[in-house]
PDB file of N, CA and C in Angstrom:
ATOM      1  N   MET A   1      -0.025   1.325  38.473  1.00  0.00           N
ATOM      2  CA  MET A   1       0.262   2.455  38.847  1.00  0.00           C
ATOM      3  C   MET A   1       0.629   2.410  40.324  1.00  0.00           C
ATOM      4  N   PRO A   2       1.821   3.154  40.755  1.00  0.00           N
ATOM      5  CA  PRO A   2       2.255   3.031  42.112  1.00  0.00           C
ATOM      6  C   PRO A   2       1.060   3.774  43.005  1.00  0.00           C
ATOM      7  N   ASN A   3       1.275   3.429  44.330  1.00  0.00           N
ATOM      8  CA  ASN A   3       0.109   4.005  45.115  1.00  0.00           C
ATOM      9  C   ASN A   3       0.659   5.389  45.666  1.00  0.00           C
ATOM     10  N   VAL A   4      -0.165   6.313  45.534  1.00  0.00           N
ATOM     11  CA  VAL A   4       0.041   7.679  45.849  1.00  0.00           C
ATOM     12  C   VAL A   4      -0.196   7.853  47.344  1.00  0.00           C
ATOM     13  N   ILE A   5       0.690   8.402  47.999  1.00  0.00           N
ATOM     14  CA  ILE A   5       0.518   8.558  49.510  1.00  0.00           C
ATOM     15  C   ILE A   5       0.614  10.155  49.674  1.00  0.00           C
ATOM     16  N   ILE A   6      -0.244  10.771  50.593  1.00  0.00           N
ATOM     17  CA  ILE A   6      -0.378  12.042  50.956  1.00  0.00           C
ATOM     18  C   ILE A   6       0.026  12.172  52.490  1.00  0.00           C
ATOM     19  N   TYR A   7       0.947  12.801  52.944  1.00  0.00           N
ATOM     20  CA  TYR A   7       1.198  13.027  54.420  1.00  0.00           C
ATOM     21  C   TYR A   7       0.510  14.343  54.610  1.00  0.00           C
ATOM     22  N   HIS A   8      -0.519  14.164  55.486  1.00  0.00           N
ATOM     23  CA  HIS A   8      -1.579  15.024  55.576  1.00  0.00           C
ATOM     24  C   HIS A   8      -1.949  15.584  56.723  1.00  0.00           C
ATOM     25  N   ASN A   9      -2.287  16.949  56.932  1.00  0.00           N
ATOM     26  CA  ASN A   9      -2.814  17.640  58.147  1.00  0.00           C
ATOM     27  C   ASN A   9      -4.154  17.997  57.726  1.00  0.00           C
ATOM     28  N   PRO A  10      -5.151  17.489  58.099  1.00  0.00           N
ATOM     29  CA  PRO A  10      -6.478  17.986  57.813  1.00  0.00           C
ATOM     30  C   PRO A  10      -6.886  19.400  58.262  1.00  0.00           C
ATOM     31  N   ARG A  11      -6.190  19.807  59.115  1.00  0.00           N
ATOM     32  CA  ARG A  11      -6.371  21.270  59.568  1.00  0.00           C
ATOM     33  C   ARG A  11      -5.641  22.293  58.684  1.00  0.00           C
ATOM     34  N   CYS A  12      -4.669  21.932  57.880  1.00  0.00           N
ATOM     35  CA  CYS A  12      -4.020  22.742  56.957  1.00  0.00           C
ATOM     36  C   CYS A  12      -4.728  22.950  55.680  1.00  0.00           C
ATOM     37  N   SER A  13      -5.026  24.131  55.381  1.00  0.00           N
ATOM     38  CA  SER A  13      -5.897  24.396  54.125  1.00  0.00           C
ATOM     39  C   SER A  13      -4.919  23.950  52.926  1.00  0.00           C
ATOM     40  N   LYS A  14      -3.825  24.230  52.837  1.00  0.00           N
ATOM     41  CA  LYS A  14      -3.061  23.788  51.596  1.00  0.00           C
ATOM     42  C   LYS A  14      -3.044  22.173  51.571  1.00  0.00           C
ATOM     43  N   SER A  15      -2.902  21.553  52.649  1.00  0.00           N
ATOM     44  CA  SER A  15      -3.091  19.922  52.546  1.00  0.00           C
ATOM     45  C   SER A  15      -4.357  19.652  52.053  1.00  0.00           C
ATOM     46  N   ARG A  16      -5.393  20.281  52.592  1.00  0.00           N
ATOM     47  CA  ARG A  16      -6.738  19.783  52.090  1.00  0.00           C
ATOM     48  C   ARG A  16      -6.851  20.385  50.617  1.00  0.00           C
ATOM     49  N   GLN A  17      -6.424  21.331  50.106  1.00  0.00           N
ATOM     50  CA  GLN A  17      -6.518  21.623  48.744  1.00  0.00           C
ATOM     51  C   GLN A  17      -5.720  20.579  47.952  1.00  0.00           C
ATOM     52  N   THR A  18      -4.543  20.213  48.426  1.00  0.00           N
ATOM     53  CA  THR A  18      -3.844  19.320  47.658  1.00  0.00           C
ATOM     54  C   THR A  18      -4.687  17.929  47.577  1.00  0.00           C
ATOM     55  N   LEU A  19      -5.205  17.423  48.693  1.00  0.00           N
ATOM     56  CA  LEU A  19      -5.986  16.205  48.629  1.00  0.00           C
ATOM     57  C   LEU A  19      -7.062  16.297  47.630  1.00  0.00           C
ATOM     58  N   GLU A  20      -7.721  17.439  47.652  1.00  0.00           N
ATOM     59  CA  GLU A  20      -8.807  17.522  46.783  1.00  0.00           C
ATOM     60  C   GLU A  20      -8.409  17.542  45.374  1.00  0.00           C
ATOM     61  N   LEU A  21      -7.161  18.172  45.086  1.00  0.00           N
ATOM     62  CA  LEU A  21      -6.659  18.337  43.704  1.00  0.00           C
ATOM     63  C   LEU A  21      -6.248  16.692  43.281  1.00  0.00           C
ATOM     64  N   ILE A  22      -5.684  15.931  43.961  1.00  0.00           N
ATOM     65  CA  ILE A  22      -5.298  14.636  43.852  1.00  0.00           C
ATOM     66  C   ILE A  22      -6.429  13.790  43.512  1.00  0.00           C
ATOM     67  N   ARG A  23      -7.526  14.059  44.135  1.00  0.00           N
ATOM     68  CA  ARG A  23      -8.887  13.273  43.952  1.00  0.00           C
ATOM     69  C   ARG A  23      -9.487  13.712  42.626  1.00  0.00           C
ATOM     70  N   GLU A  24      -9.248  15.104  42.237  1.00  0.00           N
ATOM     71  CA  GLU A  24      -9.935  15.503  40.992  1.00  0.00           C
ATOM     72  C   GLU A  24      -9.163  14.886  39.865  1.00  0.00           C
ATOM     73  N   GLN A  25      -8.079  14.391  40.150  1.00  0.00           N
ATOM     74  CA  GLN A  25      -7.457  13.645  39.100  1.00  0.00           C
ATOM     75  C   GLN A  25      -7.758  12.241  38.963  1.00  0.00           C
ATOM     76  N   GLY A  26      -8.729  11.776  39.607  1.00  0.00           N
ATOM     77  CA  GLY A  26      -9.040  10.288  39.596  1.00  0.00           C
ATOM     78  C   GLY A  26      -8.336   9.355  40.494  1.00  0.00           C
ATOM     79  N   VAL A  27      -7.586   9.934  41.348  1.00  0.00           N
ATOM     80  CA  VAL A  27      -6.588   9.223  42.329  1.00  0.00           C
ATOM     81  C   VAL A  27      -7.158   9.380  43.664  1.00  0.00           C
ATOM     82  N   GLU A  28      -7.195   8.096  44.218  1.00  0.00           N
ATOM     83  CA  GLU A  28      -7.561   8.077  45.809  1.00  0.00           C
ATOM     84  C   GLU A  28      -6.202   7.619  46.556  1.00  0.00           C
ATOM     85  N   PRO A  29      -5.620   8.675  47.042  1.00  0.00           N
ATOM     86  CA  PRO A  29      -4.330   8.490  47.806  1.00  0.00           C
ATOM     87  C   PRO A  29      -4.483   7.838  49.069  1.00  0.00           C
ATOM     88  N   GLU A  30      -3.462   7.136  49.628  1.00  0.00           N
ATOM     89  CA  GLU A  30      -3.213   6.690  50.922  1.00  0.00           C
ATOM     90  C   GLU A  30      -3.051   7.803  51.634  1.00  0.00           C
ATOM     91  N   ILE A  31      -3.786   8.090  52.743  1.00  0.00           N
ATOM     92  CA  ILE A  31      -3.696   9.342  53.635  1.00  0.00           C
ATOM     93  C   ILE A  31      -2.961   8.962  54.840  1.00  0.00           C
ATOM     94  N   ILE A  32      -1.772   9.610  55.129  1.00  0.00           N
ATOM     95  CA  ILE A  32      -1.180   9.382  56.364  1.00  0.00           C
ATOM     96  C   ILE A  32      -1.197  10.757  57.181  1.00  0.00           C
ATOM     97  N   GLU A  33      -1.935  10.656  58.228  1.00  0.00           N
ATOM     98  CA  GLU A  33      -2.002  11.834  59.126  1.00  0.00           C
ATOM     99  C   GLU A  33      -0.832  11.831  59.986  1.00  0.00           C
ATOM    100  N   TYR A  34       0.313  12.489  59.614  1.00  0.00           N
ATOM    101  CA  TYR A  34       1.634  12.363  60.216  1.00  0.00           C
ATOM    102  C   TYR A  34       1.512  12.873  61.614  1.00  0.00           C
ATOM    103  N   LEU A  35       0.585  14.036  61.935  1.00  0.00           N
ATOM    104  CA  LEU A  35       0.615  14.306  63.204  1.00  0.00           C
ATOM    105  C   LEU A  35       0.064  13.282  64.266  1.00  0.00           C
ATOM    106  N   LYS A  36      -0.878  12.307  63.648  1.00  0.00           N
ATOM    107  CA  LYS A  36      -1.122  11.213  64.473  1.00  0.00           C
ATOM    108  C   LYS A  36      -0.318  10.089  64.403  1.00  0.00           C
ATOM    109  N   GLN A  37       0.377   9.825  63.250  1.00  0.00           N
ATOM    110  CA  GLN A  37       1.272   8.800  63.082  1.00  0.00           C
ATOM    111  C   GLN A  37       2.660   9.358  62.927  1.00  0.00           C
ATOM    112  N   PRO A  38       3.436   9.909  63.816  1.00  0.00           N
ATOM    113  CA  PRO A  38       4.689  10.448  63.599  1.00  0.00           C
ATOM    114  C   PRO A  38       5.529   9.653  62.703  1.00  0.00           C
ATOM    115  N   LEU A  39       6.380  10.046  61.935  1.00  0.00           N
ATOM    116  CA  LEU A  39       7.393   9.417  61.015  1.00  0.00           C
ATOM    117  C   LEU A  39       8.548   9.294  61.856  1.00  0.00           C
ATOM    118  N   LYS A  40       9.253   8.231  61.681  1.00  0.00           N
ATOM    119  CA  LYS A  40      10.645   8.089  62.313  1.00  0.00           C
ATOM    120  C   LYS A  40      11.736   8.639  61.549  1.00  0.00           C
ATOM    121  N   VAL A  41      12.831   8.837  62.053  1.00  0.00           N
ATOM    122  CA  VAL A  41      13.959   9.566  61.295  1.00  0.00           C
ATOM    123  C   VAL A  41      14.254   8.936  59.892  1.00  0.00           C
ATOM    124  N   GLN A  42      14.275   7.695  59.884  1.00  0.00           N
ATOM    125  CA  GLN A  42      14.582   6.982  58.856  1.00  0.00           C
ATOM    126  C   GLN A  42      13.546   7.244  57.582  1.00  0.00           C
ATOM    127  N   GLU A  43      12.149   7.166  58.131  1.00  0.00           N
ATOM    128  CA  GLU A  43      11.280   7.422  57.045  1.00  0.00           C
ATOM    129  C   GLU A  43      11.300   8.954  56.525  1.00  0.00           C
ATOM    130  N   LEU A  44      11.676   9.892  57.358  1.00  0.00           N
ATOM    131  CA  LEU A  44      11.998  11.199  56.984  1.00  0.00           C
ATOM    132  C   LEU A  44      13.055  11.327  56.050  1.00  0.00           C
ATOM    133  N   GLN A  45      14.176  10.708  56.393  1.00  0.00           N
ATOM    134  CA  GLN A  45      15.316  10.634  55.563  1.00  0.00           C
ATOM    135  C   GLN A  45      14.908  10.118  54.082  1.00  0.00           C
ATOM    136  N   ASN A  46      14.246   9.105  53.908  1.00  0.00           N
ATOM    137  CA  ASN A  46      13.662   8.570  52.946  1.00  0.00           C
ATOM    138  C   ASN A  46      12.931   9.478  51.932  1.00  0.00           C
ATOM    139  N   LEU A  47      11.885  10.393  52.746  1.00  0.00           N
ATOM    140  CA  LEU A  47      11.271  11.408  51.908  1.00  0.00           C
ATOM    141  C   LEU A  47      12.250  12.492  51.410  1.00  0.00           C
ATOM    142  N   LEU A  48      13.234  12.813  52.223  1.00  0.00           N
ATOM    143  CA  LEU A  48      14.146  13.749  51.868  1.00  0.00           C
ATOM    144  C   LEU A  48      14.860  13.373  50.468  1.00  0.00           C
ATOM    145  N   ASN A  49      15.306  12.138  50.552  1.00  0.00           N
ATOM    146  CA  ASN A  49      15.894  11.371  49.334  1.00  0.00           C
ATOM    147  C   ASN A  49      15.076  11.707  48.230  1.00  0.00           C
ATOM    148  N   LEU A  50      13.625  11.308  48.251  1.00  0.00           N
ATOM    149  CA  LEU A  50      12.842  11.316  47.180  1.00  0.00           C
ATOM    150  C   LEU A  50      12.445  12.768  46.801  1.00  0.00           C
ATOM    151  N   LEU A  51      12.348  13.662  47.768  1.00  0.00           N
ATOM    152  CA  LEU A  51      12.322  15.122  47.525  1.00  0.00           C
ATOM    153  C   LEU A  51      13.679  15.824  46.980  1.00  0.00           C
ATOM    154  N   LYS A  52      14.687  15.289  47.286  1.00  0.00           N
ATOM    155  CA  LYS A  52      15.922  15.761  46.640  1.00  0.00           C
ATOM    156  C   LYS A  52      16.110  17.149  47.500  1.00  0.00           C
ATOM    157  N   ILE A  53      15.915  17.269  48.783  1.00  0.00           N
ATOM    158  CA  ILE A  53      16.018  18.421  49.561  1.00  0.00           C
ATOM    159  C   ILE A  53      16.782  17.955  50.969  1.00  0.00           C
ATOM    160  N   SER A  54      17.240  18.957  51.668  1.00  0.00           N
ATOM    161  CA  SER A  54      17.722  18.743  52.941  1.00  0.00           C
ATOM    162  C   SER A  54      16.811  18.981  53.974  1.00  0.00           C
ATOM    163  N   ALA A  55      17.154  18.469  55.212  1.00  0.00           N
ATOM    164  CA  ALA A  55      16.035  18.538  56.360  1.00  0.00           C
ATOM    165  C   ALA A  55      15.869  19.886  56.543  1.00  0.00           C
ATOM    166  N   SER A  56      16.596  20.936  56.337  1.00  0.00           N
ATOM    167  CA  SER A  56      16.530  22.243  56.693  1.00  0.00           C
ATOM    168  C   SER A  56      15.449  22.990  55.755  1.00  0.00           C
ATOM    169  N   GLU A  57      15.270  22.235  54.591  1.00  0.00           N
ATOM    170  CA  GLU A  57      14.246  22.538  53.522  1.00  0.00           C
ATOM    171  C   GLU A  57      13.001  22.259  53.843  1.00  0.00           C
ATOM    172  N   LEU A  58      12.749  21.058  54.625  1.00  0.00           N
ATOM    173  CA  LEU A  58      11.662  20.406  55.129  1.00  0.00           C
ATOM    174  C   LEU A  58      10.993  20.833  56.193  1.00  0.00           C
ATOM    175  N   VAL A  59      11.870  21.575  57.094  1.00  0.00           N
ATOM    176  CA  VAL A  59      11.429  22.039  58.332  1.00  0.00           C
ATOM    177  C   VAL A  59      10.731  23.334  58.291  1.00  0.00           C
ATOM    178  N   ARG A  60       9.681  23.361  59.030  1.00  0.00           N
ATOM    179  CA  ARG A  60       8.842  24.682  59.135  1.00  0.00           C
ATOM    180  C   ARG A  60       9.426  25.628  60.161  1.00  0.00           C
ATOM    181  N   SER A  61      10.460  26.479  59.540  1.00  0.00           N
ATOM    182  CA  SER A  61      11.311  27.361  60.503  1.00  0.00           C
ATOM    183  C   SER A  61      10.353  28.518  61.090  1.00  0.00           C
ATOM    184  N   LYS A  62       9.268  28.647  60.641  1.00  0.00           N
ATOM    185  CA  LYS A  62       8.501  29.877  61.084  1.00  0.00           C
ATOM    186  C   LYS A  62       7.607  29.412  62.159  1.00  0.00           C
ATOM    187  N   GLU A  63       7.595  28.066  62.511  1.00  0.00           N
ATOM    188  CA  GLU A  63       6.650  27.630  63.812  1.00  0.00           C
ATOM    189  C   GLU A  63       7.444  28.070  64.994  1.00  0.00           C
ATOM    190  N   SER A  64       6.640  28.407  65.934  1.00  0.00           N
ATOM    191  CA  SER A  64       7.294  28.909  67.330  1.00  0.00           C
ATOM    192  C   SER A  64       8.107  27.822  67.856  1.00  0.00           C
ATOM    193  N   LEU A  65       7.881  26.632  67.630  1.00  0.00           N
ATOM    194  CA  LEU A  65       8.442  25.544  68.247  1.00  0.00           C
ATOM    195  C   LEU A  65       9.829  25.563  67.628  1.00  0.00           C
ATOM    196  N   PHE A  66      10.198  25.800  66.436  1.00  0.00           N
ATOM    197  CA  PHE A  66      11.392  25.947  65.838  1.00  0.00           C
ATOM    198  C   PHE A  66      12.384  26.787  66.702  1.00  0.00           C
ATOM    199  N   LYS A  67      11.880  28.034  67.052  1.00  0.00           N
ATOM    200  CA  LYS A  67      12.605  28.977  67.745  1.00  0.00           C
ATOM    201  C   LYS A  67      12.848  28.506  69.147  1.00  0.00           C
ATOM    202  N   GLU A  68      11.703  27.810  69.781  1.00  0.00           N
ATOM    203  CA  GLU A  68      11.983  27.472  71.181  1.00  0.00           C
ATOM    204  C   GLU A  68      12.976  26.313  71.219  1.00  0.00           C
ATOM    205  N   LEU A  69      13.010  25.479  70.234  1.00  0.00           N
ATOM    206  CA  LEU A  69      13.948  24.356  70.241  1.00  0.00           C
ATOM    207  C   LEU A  69      15.487  24.981  69.740  1.00  0.00           C
ATOM    208  N   LYS A  70      15.498  26.084  69.458  1.00  0.00           N
ATOM    209  CA  LYS A  70      16.806  26.655  68.921  1.00  0.00           C
ATOM    210  C   LYS A  70      17.420  25.894  67.824  1.00  0.00           C
ATOM    211  N   LEU A  71      16.621  25.683  66.828  1.00  0.00           N
ATOM    212  CA  LEU A  71      17.144  24.829  65.614  1.00  0.00           C
ATOM    213  C   LEU A  71      17.726  25.715  64.534  1.00  0.00           C
ATOM    214  N   ASP A  72      18.088  27.035  64.766  1.00  0.00           N
ATOM    215  CA  ASP A  72      18.680  27.687  63.732  1.00  0.00           C
ATOM    216  C   ASP A  72      19.936  27.040  63.250  1.00  0.00           C
ATOM    217  N   ASP A  73      20.801  26.747  64.112  1.00  0.00           N
ATOM    218  CA  ASP A  73      22.099  26.191  63.795  1.00  0.00           C
ATOM    219  C   ASP A  73      22.245  24.554  63.940  1.00  0.00           C
ATOM    220  N   ALA A  74      20.977  23.993  63.875  1.00  0.00           N
ATOM    221  CA  ALA A  74      20.869  22.459  64.009  1.00  0.00           C
ATOM    222  C   ALA A  74      21.430  22.000  62.666  1.00  0.00           C
ATOM    223  N   ASN A  75      22.286  20.669  62.959  1.00  0.00           N
ATOM    224  CA  ASN A  75      22.707  19.929  61.770  1.00  0.00           C
ATOM    225  C   ASN A  75      21.556  19.152  61.071  1.00  0.00           C
ATOM    226  N   GLU A  76      21.896  18.375  60.123  1.00  0.00           N
ATOM    227  CA  GLU A  76      20.816  17.509  59.388  1.00  0.00           C
ATOM    228  C   GLU A  76      20.167  16.608  60.487  1.00  0.00           C
ATOM    229  N   ASN A  77      21.071  16.069  61.187  1.00  0.00           N
ATOM    230  CA  ASN A  77      20.647  14.749  62.089  1.00  0.00           C
ATOM    231  C   ASN A  77      19.699  15.396  63.210  1.00  0.00           C
ATOM    232  N   GLU A  78      20.333  16.635  63.690  1.00  0.00           N
ATOM    233  CA  GLU A  78      19.599  17.142  64.782  1.00  0.00           C
ATOM    234  C   GLU A  78      18.148  17.623  64.240  1.00  0.00           C
ATOM    235  N   MET A  79      18.044  18.137  63.060  1.00  0.00           N
ATOM    236  CA  MET A  79      16.828  18.705  62.387  1.00  0.00           C
ATOM    237  C   MET A  79      15.898  17.579  62.190  1.00  0.00           C
ATOM    238  N   LEU A  80      16.401  16.324  61.772  1.00  0.00           N
ATOM    239  CA  LEU A  80      15.504  15.090  61.540  1.00  0.00           C
ATOM    240  C   LEU A  80      14.908  14.721  62.902  1.00  0.00           C
ATOM    241  N   ALA A  81      15.865  14.577  63.935  1.00  0.00           N
ATOM    242  CA  ALA A  81      15.393  14.201  65.167  1.00  0.00           C
ATOM    243  C   ALA A  81      14.310  15.106  65.652  1.00  0.00           C
ATOM    244  N   ALA A  82      14.528  16.490  65.587  1.00  0.00           N
ATOM    245  CA  ALA A  82      13.426  17.344  65.959  1.00  0.00           C
ATOM    246  C   ALA A  82      12.269  17.135  65.297  1.00  0.00           C
ATOM    247  N   MET A  83      12.203  16.855  63.929  1.00  0.00           N
ATOM    248  CA  MET A  83      10.857  16.689  63.126  1.00  0.00           C
ATOM    249  C   MET A  83      10.310  15.320  63.445  1.00  0.00           C
ATOM    250  N   ALA A  84      11.016  14.318  63.880  1.00  0.00           N
ATOM    251  CA  ALA A  84      10.603  13.111  64.226  1.00  0.00           C
ATOM    252  C   ALA A  84       9.835  13.284  65.551  1.00  0.00           C
ATOM    253  N   ALA A  85      10.464  13.799  66.483  1.00  0.00           N
ATOM    254  CA  ALA A  85       9.824  13.995  67.767  1.00  0.00           C
ATOM    255  C   ALA A  85       8.748  15.163  67.735  1.00  0.00           C
ATOM    256  N   ASN A  86       8.834  16.153  66.901  1.00  0.00           N
ATOM    257  CA  ASN A  86       7.678  17.083  66.812  1.00  0.00           C
ATOM    258  C   ASN A  86       7.125  17.320  65.333  1.00  0.00           C
ATOM    259  N   PRO A  87       6.274  16.317  64.917  1.00  0.00           N
ATOM    260  CA  PRO A  87       5.818  16.472  63.530  1.00  0.00           C
ATOM    261  C   PRO A  87       5.154  17.560  62.995  1.00  0.00           C
ATOM    262  N   VAL A  88       4.668  18.529  63.940  1.00  0.00           N
ATOM    263  CA  VAL A  88       4.207  19.786  63.598  1.00  0.00           C
ATOM    264  C   VAL A  88       5.493  20.645  62.741  1.00  0.00           C
ATOM    265  N   LEU A  89       6.647  20.365  63.015  1.00  0.00           N
ATOM    266  CA  LEU A  89       7.650  21.064  62.286  1.00  0.00           C
ATOM    267  C   LEU A  89       8.014  20.582  60.858  1.00  0.00           C
ATOM    268  N   ILE A  90       7.128  19.427  60.490  1.00  0.00           N
ATOM    269  CA  ILE A  90       7.364  18.981  59.000  1.00  0.00           C
ATOM    270  C   ILE A  90       6.462  19.852  58.112  1.00  0.00           C
ATOM    271  N   GLU A  91       7.007  20.383  56.945  1.00  0.00           N
ATOM    272  CA  GLU A  91       6.301  21.080  55.904  1.00  0.00           C
ATOM    273  C   GLU A  91       5.250  20.229  55.372  1.00  0.00           C
ATOM    274  N   ARG A  92       4.236  20.704  54.939  1.00  0.00           N
ATOM    275  CA  ARG A  92       2.992  19.786  54.527  1.00  0.00           C
ATOM    276  C   ARG A  92       2.337  20.444  53.321  1.00  0.00           C
ATOM    277  N   PRO A  93       1.618  19.670  52.713  1.00  0.00           N
ATOM    278  CA  PRO A  93       1.608  18.368  52.636  1.00  0.00           C
ATOM    279  C   PRO A  93       2.719  17.707  51.813  1.00  0.00           C
ATOM    280  N   ILE A  94       3.134  16.388  51.960  1.00  0.00           N
ATOM    281  CA  ILE A  94       4.153  15.873  51.029  1.00  0.00           C
ATOM    282  C   ILE A  94       3.485  14.670  50.486  1.00  0.00           C
ATOM    283  N   VAL A  95       3.579  14.612  49.092  1.00  0.00           N
ATOM    284  CA  VAL A  95       2.931  13.660  48.217  1.00  0.00           C
ATOM    285  C   VAL A  95       3.987  12.711  47.536  1.00  0.00           C
ATOM    286  N   VAL A  96       3.842  11.493  47.682  1.00  0.00           N
ATOM    287  CA  VAL A  96       4.824  10.770  47.090  1.00  0.00           C
ATOM    288  C   VAL A  96       3.983   9.753  46.022  1.00  0.00           C
ATOM    289  N   ASN A  97       4.571   9.516  44.990  1.00  0.00           N
ATOM    290  CA  ASN A  97       4.155   8.773  43.765  1.00  0.00           C
ATOM    291  C   ASN A  97       5.138   7.863  43.415  1.00  0.00           C
ATOM    292  N   GLY A  98       5.357   6.549  43.836  1.00  0.00           N
ATOM    293  CA  GLY A  98       6.345   5.789  43.535  1.00  0.00           C
ATOM    294  C   GLY A  98       7.721   6.347  43.992  1.00  0.00           C
ATOM    295  N   LYS A  99       8.569   6.456  43.128  1.00  0.00           N
ATOM    296  CA  LYS A  99       9.959   7.097  43.422  1.00  0.00           C
ATOM    297  C   LYS A  99      10.064   8.662  43.168  1.00  0.00           C
ATOM    298  N   ARG A 100       8.813   9.314  42.981  1.00  0.00           N
ATOM    299  CA  ARG A 100       8.817  10.682  42.947  1.00  0.00           C
ATOM    300  C   ARG A 100       8.015  11.210  44.146  1.00  0.00           C
ATOM    301  N   ALA A 101       8.253  12.626  44.524  1.00  0.00           N
ATOM    302  CA  ALA A 101       7.719  13.161  45.548  1.00  0.00           C
ATOM    303  C   ALA A 101       7.805  14.637  45.495  1.00  0.00           C
ATOM    304  N   CYS A 102       6.774  15.314  46.154  1.00  0.00           N
ATOM    305  CA  CYS A 102       6.896  16.876  45.854  1.00  0.00           C
ATOM    306  C   CYS A 102       6.110  17.324  47.276  1.00  0.00           C
ATOM    307  N   ILE A 103       6.360  18.687  47.590  1.00  0.00           N
ATOM    308  CA  ILE A 103       5.554  19.303  48.625  1.00  0.00           C
ATOM    309  C   ILE A 103       4.430  20.163  48.019  1.00  0.00           C
ATOM    310  N   GLY A 104       3.308  20.027  48.478  1.00  0.00           N
ATOM    311  CA  GLY A 104       2.022  20.751  47.624  1.00  0.00           C
ATOM    312  C   GLY A 104       1.959  22.008  48.246  1.00  0.00           C
ATOM    313  N   ARG A 105       3.052  22.662  48.005  1.00  0.00           N
ATOM    314  CA  ARG A 105       2.984  24.233  48.294  1.00  0.00           C
ATOM    315  C   ARG A 105       3.558  24.920  46.999  1.00  0.00           C
ATOM    316  N   PRO A 106       2.758  25.401  46.249  1.00  0.00           N
ATOM    317  CA  PRO A 106       1.348  25.473  45.952  1.00  0.00           C
ATOM    318  C   PRO A 106       0.805  24.025  45.680  1.00  0.00           C
ATOM    319  N   PRO A 107      -0.587  23.792  45.962  1.00  0.00           N
ATOM    320  CA  PRO A 107      -1.066  22.420  45.606  1.00  0.00           C
ATOM    321  C   PRO A 107      -0.800  21.936  44.302  1.00  0.00           C
ATOM    322  N   GLU A 108      -0.803  22.896  43.278  1.00  0.00           N
ATOM    323  CA  GLU A 108      -0.509  22.437  41.727  1.00  0.00           C
ATOM    324  C   GLU A 108       0.848  21.605  41.610  1.00  0.00           C
ATOM    325  N   ASN A 109       1.751  21.814  42.479  1.00  0.00           N
ATOM    326  CA  ASN A 109       3.075  21.064  42.515  1.00  0.00           C
ATOM    327  C   ASN A 109       2.873  19.478  42.276  1.00  0.00           C
ATOM    328  N   VAL A 110       1.588  19.016  42.833  1.00  0.00           N
ATOM    329  CA  VAL A 110       1.551  17.480  42.739  1.00  0.00           C
ATOM    330  C   VAL A 110       1.158  16.992  41.333  1.00  0.00           C
ATOM    331  N   LEU A 111       0.730  17.943  40.448  1.00  0.00           N
ATOM    332  CA  LEU A 111       0.437  17.603  39.241  1.00  0.00           C
ATOM    333  C   LEU A 111       1.461  17.018  38.409  1.00  0.00           C
ATOM    334  N   GLU A 112       2.695  17.528  38.570  1.00  0.00           N
ATOM    335  CA  GLU A 112       3.962  17.097  38.125  1.00  0.00           C
ATOM    336  C   GLU A 112       4.318  15.608  38.466  1.00  0.00           C
ATOM    337  N   ILE A 113       3.933  15.091  39.566  1.00  0.00           N
ATOM    338  CA  ILE A 113       4.198  13.666  39.807  1.00  0.00           C
ATOM    339  C   ILE A 113       3.168  12.821  39.759  1.00  0.00           C
ATOM    340  N   LEU A 114       1.881  13.118  39.359  1.00  0.00           N
ATOM    341  CA  LEU A 114       0.736  12.345  39.163  1.00  0.00           C
ATOM    342  C   LEU A 114       0.741  11.605  37.966  1.00  0.00           C
TER     343      LEU A 114
END
C-alpha cells in the first residue's frame, strides 16, 4: 500500500479531524506540517496535478494575506509563488495516497482515496 501523506496544520480543526479519520481507518500517515516545512513551487505543482485543480482553487482567498498581496488577478505562476512563500495561503489539509489526492474539506473526502 502506498504511503499516505497529510499536509497538516495542527491548529486547524478540519485538518485535525481529517487526521483522526485517517487513523480511524487503520492508516498512520506521514504528517507534513507545511507551515513548518514550506512547499516549493514544484511540490505545489505536483499536488495540483494530483488534485486535478488550479492554483486558484488551492489558495485560501479569504485569508487577509491574500488581499494584502493583491492576488485577485494573479496568474497560476504568481499564485504558486505566493503559496510557496506564504504557506498559510494553502488550503488544508491535503491528503495524498499514491497517485490520488484530495482536500479534506469536509474530512470525509479522504475516504474516497484511502
